[in-house]
Amino acid sequence: MALLDMFRMDGKKGFITGAGQGIGKALADGFAQVGAEFAVVGRTYEKVRIVAEELSEKYKLNIIPIECEVSDPESVNNMISKVVEAYGTIDFAINNVGIVCFDPIESVSPENFHEILDVNLFGLFLTAQGAIKVMIEKGVKGTIINTASMSGHIINTPQTTSSYCTSKAGVIHLTHSMAVEMAKYGIRVNCVSPGYISKAGPVKFPEERQGWIDRTPQKRFAGPEELVGAYLYLASDASLYATGTEIIIDGGYTLI
């Protein structure tokens, strides 16, 4: 197979969560460019509807919107059913939903801490598990890609994000655990750990975030489009021997 052909996703079906904006939206556009058809999944239906319609028209593909609350097992089961109904199977799943809380550890409420874990870790587990069940049932040697974070390795300062850091460390280790368990089925499980990403692209950052950038060797936020290549590599035949792999894309932040 020619090198560039290894990155094509023609005929591959799946879903991308958190695809109404930011990283997920950039991933949706990138995967459509290489021929994949998938569900654009998000908490707000109007956002994913707009993305799905734009991409379907732009690339002449069957891309559908699905509203889903990833921390709700019933909502996730409904989402998985709709994906299978639309495409017949699941070849790839990108689990990309994440929220953050900046309350310091001495004052963060149990409810807020729990919400971060529910969405970022438990919700990711649910959507990954749902895809895995379909892959096993249908004998698909598929790929699962989880969005973790450099915050699973370091503690962001001056932010106070103990709940977020905890959840993303869990995502990394959950990825490793799933990779080992799923290897016997030929299902690969990997993750990408971004650093500071601007939803709108590599634009001028707010003054109050200067300290965040000062600690990053490249001295800038990345645009979400700068992550697409890593996800595509992990989803495609270019990475058939990669499982349990984490790709950190953080402008060098975790090196210092």
C-alpha atoms as a PDB file:
ATOM      1  CA  MET A   1       0.000   0.000   0.000  1.00  0.00           C
ATOM      2  CA  ALA A   2       1.268   3.459  -0.910  1.00  0.00           C
ATOM      3  CA  LEU A   3       2.201   5.585   2.080  1.00  0.00           C
ATOM      4  CA  LEU A   4      -0.483   8.240   1.678  1.00  0.00           C
ATOM      5  CA  ASP A   5      -3.120   5.568   1.045  1.00  0.00           C
ATOM      6  CA  MET A   6      -2.458   4.202   4.536  1.00  0.00           C
ATOM      7  CA  PHE A   7      -3.979   7.381   5.947  1.00  0.00           C
ATOM      8  CA  ARG A   8      -7.186   7.175   3.912  1.00  0.00           C
ATOM      9  CA  MET A   9     -10.385   6.318   5.802  1.00  0.00           C
ATOM     10  CA  ASP A  10     -12.669   5.570   2.858  1.00  0.00           C
ATOM     11  CA  GLY A  11     -15.466   3.232   3.913  1.00  0.00           C
ATOM     12  CA  LYS A  12     -14.687   3.597   7.624  1.00  0.00           C
ATOM     13  CA  LYS A  13     -17.601   4.411   9.922  1.00  0.00           C
ATOM     14  CA  GLY A  14     -17.646   5.751  13.450  1.00  0.00           C
ATOM     15  CA  PHE A  15     -18.341   8.694  15.723  1.00  0.00           C
ATOM     16  CA  ILE A  16     -16.604  11.725  17.199  1.00  0.00           C
ATOM     17  CA  THR A  17     -17.844  13.103  20.521  1.00  0.00           C
ATOM     18  CA  GLY A  18     -17.461  16.737  21.475  1.00  0.00           C
ATOM     19  CA  ALA A  19     -17.613  17.514  17.765  1.00  0.00           C
ATOM     20  CA  GLY A  20     -19.698  20.667  17.915  1.00  0.00           C
ATOM     21  CA  GLN A  21     -16.699  22.915  18.493  1.00  0.00           C
ATOM     22  CA  GLY A  22     -12.961  23.091  19.117  1.00  0.00           C
ATOM     23  CA  ILE A  23     -10.864  19.948  18.762  1.00  0.00           C
ATOM     24  CA  GLY A  24     -13.816  17.732  17.903  1.00  0.00           C
ATOM     25  CA  LYS A  25     -15.001  19.998  15.119  1.00  0.00           C
ATOM     26  CA  ALA A  26     -11.490  20.137  13.617  1.00  0.00           C
ATOM     27  CA  LEU A  27     -11.281  16.351  13.794  1.00  0.00           C
ATOM     28  CA  ALA A  28     -14.627  16.008  12.056  1.00  0.00           C
ATOM     29  CA  ASP A  29     -13.440  18.145   9.150  1.00  0.00           C
ATOM     30  CA  GLY A  30     -10.143  16.299   8.929  1.00  0.00           C
ATOM     31  CA  PHE A  31     -11.673  12.821   8.971  1.00  0.00           C
ATOM     32  CA  ALA A  32     -14.216  13.847   6.342  1.00  0.00           C
ATOM     33  CA  GLN A  33     -11.350  14.993   4.123  1.00  0.00           C
ATOM     34  CA  VAL A  34      -9.936  11.445   4.091  1.00  0.00           C
ATOM     35  CA  GLY A  35     -13.278   9.824   3.313  1.00  0.00           C
ATOM     36  CA  ALA A  36     -14.643   8.673   6.681  1.00  0.00           C
ATOM     37  CA  GLU A  37     -18.368   8.782   7.427  1.00  0.00           C
ATOM     38  CA  PHE A  38     -19.395   9.285  11.020  1.00  0.00           C
ATOM     39  CA  ALA A  39     -21.717  10.747  13.597  1.00  0.00           C
ATOM     40  CA  VAL A  40     -20.951  14.202  14.926  1.00  0.00           C
ATOM     41  CA  VAL A  41     -21.864  13.833  18.595  1.00  0.00           C
ATOM     42  CA  GLY A  42     -22.376  16.578  21.152  1.00  0.00           C
ATOM     43  CA  ARG A  43     -24.394  17.798  24.117  1.00  0.00           C
ATOM     44  CA  THR A  44     -26.036  20.606  22.111  1.00  0.00           C
ATOM     45  CA  TYR A  45     -27.927  19.311  19.083  1.00  0.00           C
ATOM     46  CA  GLU A  46     -27.925  22.589  17.174  1.00  0.00           C
ATOM     47  CA  LYS A  47     -24.130  22.760  17.201  1.00  0.00           C
ATOM     48  CA  VAL A  48     -23.608  19.231  15.885  1.00  0.00           C
ATOM     49  CA  ARG A  49     -26.427  19.645  13.367  1.00  0.00           C
ATOM     50  CA  ILE A  50     -24.682  22.631  11.809  1.00  0.00           C
ATOM     51  CA  VAL A  51     -21.325  20.804  11.686  1.00  0.00           C
ATOM     52  CA  ALA A  52     -22.859  17.671  10.171  1.00  0.00           C
ATOM     53  CA  GLU A  53     -24.754  19.599   7.512  1.00  0.00           C
ATOM     54  CA  GLU A  54     -21.711  21.664   6.539  1.00  0.00           C
ATOM     55  CA  LEU A  55     -19.448  18.629   6.222  1.00  0.00           C
ATOM     56  CA  SER A  56     -22.029  16.514   4.401  1.00  0.00           C
ATOM     57  CA  GLU A  57     -22.444  19.238   1.809  1.00  0.00           C
ATOM     58  CA  LYS A  58     -18.755  20.067   1.553  1.00  0.00           C
ATOM     59  CA  TYR A  59     -17.469  16.506   1.156  1.00  0.00           C
ATOM     60  CA  LYS A  60     -20.593  14.733  -0.184  1.00  0.00           C
ATOM     61  CA  LEU A  61     -20.567  12.198   2.627  1.00  0.00           C
ATOM     62  CA  ASN A  62     -23.201  10.775   4.981  1.00  0.00           C
ATOM     63  CA  ILE A  63     -22.353  12.581   8.222  1.00  0.00           C
ATOM     64  CA  ILE A  64     -25.078  12.683  10.853  1.00  0.00           C
ATOM     65  CA  PRO A  65     -25.639  14.702  14.055  1.00  0.00           C
ATOM     66  CA  ILE A  66     -26.489  12.994  17.350  1.00  0.00           C
ATOM     67  CA  GLU A  67     -27.221  14.693  20.647  1.00  0.00           C
ATOM     68  CA  CYS A  68     -25.747  12.829  23.604  1.00  0.00           C
ATOM     69  CA  GLU A  69     -24.997  13.361  27.288  1.00  0.00           C
ATOM     70  CA  VAL A  70     -21.938  11.135  27.647  1.00  0.00           C
ATOM     71  CA  SER A  71     -22.222  10.718  31.422  1.00  0.00           C
ATOM     72  CA  ASP A  72     -25.718   9.200  31.030  1.00  0.00           C
ATOM     73  CA  PRO A  73     -25.604   5.475  30.153  1.00  0.00           C
ATOM     74  CA  GLU A  74     -29.041   5.558  28.532  1.00  0.00           C
ATOM     75  CA  SER A  75     -28.094   8.523  26.351  1.00  0.00           C
ATOM     76  CA  VAL A  76     -24.870   6.797  25.303  1.00  0.00           C
ATOM     77  CA  ASN A  77     -26.687   3.553  24.476  1.00  0.00           C
ATOM     78  CA  ASN A  78     -29.116   5.542  22.335  1.00  0.00           C
ATOM     79  CA  MET A  79     -26.223   7.247  20.549  1.00  0.00           C
ATOM     80  CA  ILE A  80     -24.497   3.942  19.815  1.00  0.00           C
ATOM     81  CA  SER A  81     -27.749   2.476  18.479  1.00  0.00           C
ATOM     82  CA  LYS A  82     -28.198   5.431  16.131  1.00  0.00           C
ATOM     83  CA  VAL A  83     -24.629   5.085  14.821  1.00  0.00           C
ATOM     84  CA  VAL A  84     -25.127   1.382  14.094  1.00  0.00           C
ATOM     85  CA  GLU A  85     -28.526   2.065  12.536  1.00  0.00           C
ATOM     86  CA  ALA A  86     -26.976   4.658  10.217  1.00  0.00           C
ATOM     87  CA  TYR A  87     -23.768   2.836   9.285  1.00  0.00           C
ATOM     88  CA  GLY A  88     -24.199  -0.818  10.204  1.00  0.00           C
ATOM     89  CA  THR A  89     -21.024  -0.949  12.272  1.00  0.00           C
ATOM     90  CA  ILE A  90     -18.374   1.073  14.104  1.00  0.00           C
ATOM     91  CA  ASP A  91     -14.808   1.081  12.805  1.00  0.00           C
ATOM     92  CA  PHE A  92     -13.506   3.963  14.903  1.00  0.00           C
ATOM     93  CA  ALA A  93     -14.542   5.953  17.948  1.00  0.00           C
ATOM     94  CA  ILE A  94     -13.029   9.246  19.024  1.00  0.00           C
ATOM     95  CA  ASN A  95     -13.952  10.008  22.622  1.00  0.00           C
ATOM     96  CA  ASN A  96     -13.264  13.699  22.930  1.00  0.00           C
ATOM     97  CA  VAL A  97     -15.641  15.267  25.465  1.00  0.00           C
ATOM     98  CA  GLY A  98     -14.101  17.247  28.320  1.00  0.00           C
ATOM     99  CA  ILE A  99     -15.014  19.978  30.815  1.00  0.00           C
ATOM    100  CA  VAL A 100     -12.941  21.833  33.394  1.00  0.00           C
ATOM    101  CA  CYS A 101     -13.482  23.348  36.840  1.00  0.00           C
ATOM    102  CA  PHE A 102     -11.161  26.029  38.252  1.00  0.00           C
ATOM    103  CA  ASP A 103     -12.324  25.835  41.874  1.00  0.00           C
ATOM    104  CA  PRO A 104      -9.378  25.315  44.270  1.00  0.00           C
ATOM    105  CA  ILE A 105      -9.191  22.042  46.171  1.00  0.00           C
ATOM    106  CA  GLU A 106     -10.153  23.627  49.498  1.00  0.00           C
ATOM    107  CA  SER A 107     -13.429  24.968  48.151  1.00  0.00           C
ATOM    108  CA  VAL A 108     -14.461  22.806  45.193  1.00  0.00           C
ATOM    109  CA  SER A 109     -17.798  21.187  45.947  1.00  0.00           C
ATOM    110  CA  PRO A 110     -18.228  17.413  45.888  1.00  0.00           C
ATOM    111  CA  GLU A 111     -20.847  17.932  43.168  1.00  0.00           C
ATOM    112  CA  ASN A 112     -18.457  19.851  40.890  1.00  0.00           C
ATOM    113  CA  PHE A 113     -15.599  17.431  41.436  1.00  0.00           C
ATOM    114  CA  HIS A 114     -17.923  14.539  40.676  1.00  0.00           C
ATOM    115  CA  GLU A 115     -19.232  16.239  37.530  1.00  0.00           C
ATOM    116  CA  ILE A 116     -15.709  16.540  36.095  1.00  0.00           C
ATOM    117  CA  LEU A 117     -15.045  12.850  36.684  1.00  0.00           C
ATOM    118  CA  ASP A 118     -18.486  11.902  35.355  1.00  0.00           C
ATOM    119  CA  VAL A 119     -17.959  13.660  32.021  1.00  0.00           C
ATOM    120  CA  ASN A 120     -14.207  13.390  31.458  1.00  0.00           C
ATOM    121  CA  LEU A 121     -13.601   9.855  32.714  1.00  0.00           C
ATOM    122  CA  PHE A 122     -16.854   7.960  33.241  1.00  0.00           C
ATOM    123  CA  GLY A 123     -18.418   9.460  30.114  1.00  0.00           C
ATOM    124  CA  LEU A 124     -15.359   8.559  28.058  1.00  0.00           C
ATOM    125  CA  PHE A 125     -15.523   5.022  29.458  1.00  0.00           C
ATOM    126  CA  LEU A 126     -19.170   4.728  28.433  1.00  0.00           C
ATOM    127  CA  THR A 127     -18.692   5.872  24.835  1.00  0.00           C
ATOM    128  CA  ALA A 128     -15.547   3.767  24.419  1.00  0.00           C
ATOM    129  CA  GLN A 129     -17.262   0.728  25.910  1.00  0.00           C
ATOM    130  CA  GLY A 130     -20.264   1.197  23.653  1.00  0.00           C
ATOM    131  CA  ALA A 131     -18.054   1.218  20.554  1.00  0.00           C
ATOM    132  CA  ILE A 132     -16.044  -1.767  21.800  1.00  0.00           C
ATOM    133  CA  LYS A 133     -19.178  -3.868  22.290  1.00  0.00           C
ATOM    134  CA  VAL A 134     -20.214  -3.259  18.683  1.00  0.00           C
ATOM    135  CA  MET A 135     -16.701  -4.004  17.393  1.00  0.00           C
ATOM    136  CA  ILE A 136     -16.540  -7.304  19.284  1.00  0.00           C
ATOM    137  CA  GLU A 137     -20.058  -8.323  18.222  1.00  0.00           C
ATOM    138  CA  LYS A 138     -19.333  -7.626  14.554  1.00  0.00           C
ATOM    139  CA  GLY A 139     -15.747  -8.856  14.533  1.00  0.00           C
ATOM    140  CA  VAL A 140     -14.364  -5.434  13.632  1.00  0.00           C
ATOM    141  CA  LYS A 141     -10.695  -4.749  14.307  1.00  0.00           C
ATOM    142  CA  GLY A 142     -11.424  -1.165  15.095  1.00  0.00           C
ATOM    143  CA  THR A 143      -9.708   1.743  16.760  1.00  0.00           C
ATOM    144  CA  ILE A 144     -10.557   3.709  19.886  1.00  0.00           C
ATOM    145  CA  ILE A 145      -8.919   7.116  20.380  1.00  0.00           C
ATOM    146  CA  ASN A 146      -9.346   8.993  23.644  1.00  0.00           C
ATOM    147  CA  THR A 147      -8.602  12.640  24.246  1.00  0.00           C
ATOM    148  CA  ALA A 148      -6.520  12.869  27.406  1.00  0.00           C
ATOM    149  CA  SER A 149      -4.356  15.901  28.254  1.00  0.00           C
ATOM    150  CA  MET A 150      -0.877  16.950  29.264  1.00  0.00           C
ATOM    151  CA  SER A 151      -2.686  17.630  32.566  1.00  0.00           C
ATOM    152  CA  GLY A 152      -2.642  13.889  33.147  1.00  0.00           C
ATOM    153  CA  HIS A 153       1.127  14.253  33.664  1.00  0.00           C
ATOM    154  CA  ILE A 154       1.644  17.738  35.100  1.00  0.00           C
ATOM    155  CA  ILE A 155      -0.224  20.148  37.335  1.00  0.00           C
ATOM    156  CA  ASN A 156      -1.308  23.280  35.486  1.00  0.00           C
ATOM    157  CA  THR A 157      -0.318  26.494  37.175  1.00  0.00           C
ATOM    158  CA  PRO A 158      -1.473  29.095  38.049  1.00  0.00           C
ATOM    159  CA  GLN A 159      -4.829  27.393  37.429  1.00  0.00           C
ATOM    160  CA  THR A 160      -6.429  25.323  40.183  1.00  0.00           C
ATOM    161  CA  THR A 161      -7.679  22.261  38.311  1.00  0.00           C
ATOM    162  CA  SER A 162      -7.233  19.276  40.604  1.00  0.00           C
ATOM    163  CA  SER A 163     -10.419  17.597  39.405  1.00  0.00           C
ATOM    164  CA  TYR A 164      -9.478  18.046  35.733  1.00  0.00           C
ATOM    165  CA  CYS A 165      -5.928  16.766  36.221  1.00  0.00           C
ATOM    166  CA  THR A 166      -7.252  13.753  38.115  1.00  0.00           C
ATOM    167  CA  SER A 167      -9.756  12.922  35.390  1.00  0.00           C
ATOM    168  CA  LYS A 168      -7.193  13.158  32.593  1.00  0.00           C
ATOM    169  CA  ALA A 169      -4.662  11.010  34.441  1.00  0.00           C
ATOM    170  CA  GLY A 170      -7.456   8.468  34.679  1.00  0.00           C
ATOM    171  CA  VAL A 171      -8.093   8.688  30.935  1.00  0.00           C
ATOM    172  CA  ILE A 172      -4.458   7.864  30.199  1.00  0.00           C
ATOM    173  CA  HIS A 173      -4.397   4.816  32.436  1.00  0.00           C
ATOM    174  CA  LEU A 174      -7.842   3.687  31.274  1.00  0.00           C
ATOM    175  CA  THR A 175      -6.497   3.848  27.715  1.00  0.00           C
ATOM    176  CA  HIS A 176      -3.572   1.626  28.689  1.00  0.00           C
ATOM    177  CA  SER A 177      -5.869  -0.845  30.430  1.00  0.00           C
ATOM    178  CA  MET A 178      -8.319  -1.038  27.532  1.00  0.00           C
ATOM    179  CA  ALA A 179      -5.464  -1.486  25.057  1.00  0.00           C
ATOM    180  CA  VAL A 180      -4.212  -4.581  26.872  1.00  0.00           C
ATOM    181  CA  GLU A 181      -7.688  -6.084  27.266  1.00  0.00           C
ATOM    182  CA  MET A 182      -8.733  -5.407  23.665  1.00  0.00           C
ATOM    183  CA  ALA A 183      -5.570  -6.652  21.938  1.00  0.00           C
ATOM    184  CA  LYS A 184      -6.977 -10.188  21.713  1.00  0.00           C
ATOM    185  CA  TYR A 185      -9.820  -8.830  19.568  1.00  0.00           C
ATOM    186  CA  GLY A 186      -7.536  -6.847  17.288  1.00  0.00           C
ATOM    187  CA  ILE A 187      -9.014  -3.604  18.650  1.00  0.00           C
ATOM    188  CA  ARG A 188      -6.442  -0.832  19.185  1.00  0.00           C
ATOM    189  CA  VAL A 189      -6.871   1.790  21.907  1.00  0.00           C
ATOM    190  CA  ASN A 190      -4.732   4.932  22.005  1.00  0.00           C
ATOM    191  CA  CYS A 191      -4.916   8.504  23.250  1.00  0.00           C
ATOM    192  CA  VAL A 192      -3.802  12.014  22.374  1.00  0.00           C
ATOM    193  CA  SER A 193      -2.782  14.456  25.119  1.00  0.00           C
ATOM    194  CA  PRO A 194      -3.020  18.076  23.990  1.00  0.00           C
ATOM    195  CA  GLY A 195      -1.504  21.071  25.703  1.00  0.00           C
ATOM    196  CA  TYR A 196      -3.086  24.510  25.511  1.00  0.00           C
ATOM    197  CA  ILE A 197      -5.408  24.691  22.514  1.00  0.00           C
ATOM    198  CA  SER A 198      -7.333  27.704  21.262  1.00  0.00           C
ATOM    199  CA  LYS A 199     -10.827  26.806  20.048  1.00  0.00           C
ATOM    200  CA  ALA A 200     -10.565  29.431  17.342  1.00  0.00           C
ATOM    201  CA  GLY A 201      -7.045  28.601  16.146  1.00  0.00           C
ATOM    202  CA  PRO A 202      -3.563  29.969  16.937  1.00  0.00           C
ATOM    203  CA  VAL A 203      -4.795  33.455  17.778  1.00  0.00           C
ATOM    204  CA  LYS A 204      -3.575  36.098  20.221  1.00  0.00           C
ATOM    205  CA  PHE A 205      -4.219  34.801  23.732  1.00  0.00           C
ATOM    206  CA  PRO A 206      -5.938  36.788  26.502  1.00  0.00           C
ATOM    207  CA  GLU A 207      -3.697  38.868  28.737  1.00  0.00           C
ATOM    208  CA  GLU A 208      -4.730  36.946  31.853  1.00  0.00           C
ATOM    209  CA  ARG A 209      -3.375  33.751  30.279  1.00  0.00           C
ATOM    210  CA  GLN A 210       0.118  35.118  29.702  1.00  0.00           C
ATOM    211  CA  GLY A 211       1.435  32.953  32.536  1.00  0.00           C
ATOM    212  CA  TRP A 212       0.124  29.826  30.849  1.00  0.00           C
ATOM    213  CA  ILE A 213       2.036  30.651  27.691  1.00  0.00           C
ATOM    214  CA  ASP A 214       5.234  31.705  29.464  1.00  0.00           C
ATOM    215  CA  ARG A 215       5.651  28.119  30.654  1.00  0.00           C
ATOM    216  CA  THR A 216       5.281  26.702  27.139  1.00  0.00           C
ATOM    217  CA  PRO A 217       8.544  26.565  25.147  1.00  0.00           C
ATOM    218  CA  GLN A 218       6.773  27.491  21.897  1.00  0.00           C
ATOM    219  CA  LYS A 219       5.160  30.507  23.632  1.00  0.00           C
ATOM    220  CA  ARG A 220       1.735  30.061  22.032  1.00  0.00           C
ATOM    221  CA  PHE A 221      -1.534  28.194  22.024  1.00  0.00           C
ATOM    222  CA  ALA A 222      -2.012  25.633  19.258  1.00  0.00           C
ATOM    223  CA  GLY A 223      -4.959  25.615  16.904  1.00  0.00           C
ATOM    224  CA  PRO A 224      -7.195  22.524  17.054  1.00  0.00           C
ATOM    225  CA  GLU A 225      -6.301  21.716  13.446  1.00  0.00           C
ATOM    226  CA  GLU A 226      -2.728  21.033  14.597  1.00  0.00           C
ATOM    227  CA  LEU A 227      -3.948  17.898  16.401  1.00  0.00           C
ATOM    228  CA  VAL A 228      -5.762  16.261  13.497  1.00  0.00           C
ATOM    229  CA  GLY A 229      -2.727  14.463  12.073  1.00  0.00           C
ATOM    230  CA  ALA A 230      -2.103  12.587  15.329  1.00  0.00           C
ATOM    231  CA  TYR A 231      -5.680  11.331  15.552  1.00  0.00           C
ATOM    232  CA  LEU A 232      -5.685  10.345  11.898  1.00  0.00           C
ATOM    233  CA  TYR A 233      -2.457   8.407  12.335  1.00  0.00           C
ATOM    234  CA  LEU A 234      -3.897   6.485  15.282  1.00  0.00           C
ATOM    235  CA  ALA A 235      -7.202   5.785  13.512  1.00  0.00           C
ATOM    236  CA  SER A 236      -5.730   4.673  10.193  1.00  0.00           C
ATOM    237  CA  ASP A 237      -3.760   1.716   8.868  1.00  0.00           C
ATOM    238  CA  ALA A 238      -0.609   3.789   9.281  1.00  0.00           C
ATOM    239  CA  SER A 239      -0.534   2.774  12.969  1.00  0.00           C
ATOM    240  CA  LEU A 240      -1.471  -0.916  12.951  1.00  0.00           C
ATOM    241  CA  TYR A 241       1.212  -1.783  15.532  1.00  0.00           C
ATOM    242  CA  ALA A 242       0.331   1.087  17.877  1.00  0.00           C
ATOM    243  CA  THR A 243      -1.868   0.325  20.859  1.00  0.00           C
ATOM    244  CA  GLY A 244      -1.715   1.773  24.344  1.00  0.00           C
ATOM    245  CA  THR A 245       0.151   4.665  22.761  1.00  0.00           C
ATOM    246  CA  GLU A 246      -0.098   8.235  24.001  1.00  0.00           C
ATOM    247  CA  ILE A 247       0.867  11.135  21.746  1.00  0.00           C
ATOM    248  CA  ILE A 248       1.571  14.317  23.705  1.00  0.00           C
ATOM    249  CA  ILE A 249       1.165  17.518  21.676  1.00  0.00           C
ATOM    250  CA  ASP A 250       1.881  20.385  24.044  1.00  0.00           C
ATOM    251  CA  GLY A 251       4.455  22.713  22.519  1.00  0.00           C
ATOM    252  CA  GLY A 252       7.059  21.191  24.850  1.00  0.00           C
ATOM    253  CA  TYR A 253       5.235  22.074  28.099  1.00  0.00           C
ATOM    254  CA  THR A 254       5.764  18.700  29.803  1.00  0.00           C
ATOM    255  CA  LEU A 255       9.502  18.746  29.048  1.00  0.00           C
ATOM    256  CA  ILE A 256      10.342  21.504  31.515  1.00  0.00           C
END
